[in-house]
Amino acid sequence: MKVEKNISIPPSGKSKYPIFSMKIGESFFVEGKIVSQIWGAIVPTAKRNGIEVTMRSVVEKKKSGVRIWRTK
């Protein structure tokens, strides 16, 4: 096995949620979930990549779910 130096580490994690393509102030809605179900899936990946998000339980068009905003 060859040991190498100066190889950049790519961004960690992939997400099925669009956090990497979002601009600050943009948000998306996930139907049928609660904050605690989404928190572990999004926040660690976002933090490792310098992205800050916040989320709230909401009801939109008679559908319960979570809305996630990119804040930084």
Protein backbone atom coordinates (compact mmCIF):
# COMPACT_ATOMS: atom_id res chain seq x y z
CA MET A 1 0.00 0.00 0.00
CA LYS A 2 1.41 3.40 -1.00
CA VAL A 3 1.35 6.24 1.56
CA GLU A 4 0.75 9.67 0.00
CA LYS A 5 0.84 13.30 1.19
CA ASN A 6 -1.03 16.46 0.18
CA ILE A 7 -4.21 14.74 -0.98
CA SER A 8 -7.23 16.98 -0.27
CA ILE A 9 -10.05 15.51 1.77
CA PRO A 10 -13.35 15.79 -0.12
CA PRO A 11 -16.48 17.07 1.67
CA SER A 12 -17.81 14.39 3.97
CA GLY A 13 -21.11 12.69 3.65
CA LYS A 14 -23.78 12.76 1.08
CA SER A 15 -27.29 13.78 1.86
CA LYS A 16 -30.58 12.88 0.25
CA TYR A 17 -31.66 16.36 1.29
CA PRO A 18 -30.59 19.37 -0.84
CA ILE A 19 -28.47 21.11 1.82
CA PHE A 20 -25.39 21.38 -0.42
CA SER A 21 -27.25 23.19 -3.21
CA MET A 22 -29.10 25.62 -0.92
CA LYS A 23 -28.24 29.28 -0.53
CA ILE A 24 -28.59 31.13 2.78
CA GLY A 25 -32.27 31.86 3.42
CA GLU A 26 -33.58 29.00 1.26
CA SER A 27 -35.60 26.16 2.77
CA PHE A 28 -37.35 22.92 1.94
CA PHE A 29 -40.24 20.94 3.43
CA VAL A 30 -40.17 17.25 4.42
CA GLU A 31 -43.65 15.84 4.89
CA GLY A 32 -44.53 13.42 7.66
CA LYS A 33 -41.36 13.81 9.73
CA ILE A 34 -40.65 15.38 13.09
CA VAL A 35 -37.61 17.48 13.97
CA SER A 36 -35.93 14.69 15.97
CA GLN A 37 -36.19 12.27 13.00
CA ILE A 38 -34.50 14.71 10.63
CA TRP A 39 -31.98 16.27 13.03
CA GLY A 40 -29.56 13.33 13.06
CA ALA A 41 -29.72 12.93 9.30
CA ILE A 42 -28.99 16.54 8.35
CA VAL A 43 -27.18 18.45 11.09
CA PRO A 44 -23.96 16.37 11.42
CA THR A 45 -23.37 16.38 7.65
CA ALA A 46 -24.13 20.08 7.43
CA LYS A 47 -21.79 20.97 10.31
CA ARG A 48 -18.90 18.93 8.88
CA ASN A 49 -19.25 20.98 5.70
CA GLY A 50 -19.56 24.42 7.32
CA ILE A 51 -23.30 24.71 6.68
CA GLU A 52 -25.67 25.86 9.41
CA VAL A 53 -29.33 24.93 9.34
CA THR A 54 -32.35 25.36 11.55
CA MET A 55 -35.60 23.45 11.41
CA ARG A 56 -39.12 23.70 12.73
CA SER A 57 -42.16 21.46 12.85
CA VAL A 58 -44.79 23.02 10.59
CA VAL A 59 -48.15 22.35 8.99
CA GLU A 60 -48.34 23.42 5.36
CA LYS A 61 -51.36 22.86 3.12
CA LYS A 62 -52.83 20.53 5.77
CA LYS A 63 -49.66 18.41 5.79
CA SER A 64 -47.49 18.04 8.91
CA GLY A 65 -43.75 17.91 8.58
CA VAL A 66 -40.49 19.77 9.04
CA ARG A 67 -39.16 22.84 7.23
CA ILE A 68 -35.36 23.19 7.09
CA TRP A 69 -33.67 26.55 6.42
CA ARG A 70 -30.03 27.19 5.59
CA THR A 71 -28.84 29.98 7.90
CA LYS A 72 -25.11 30.11 7.10
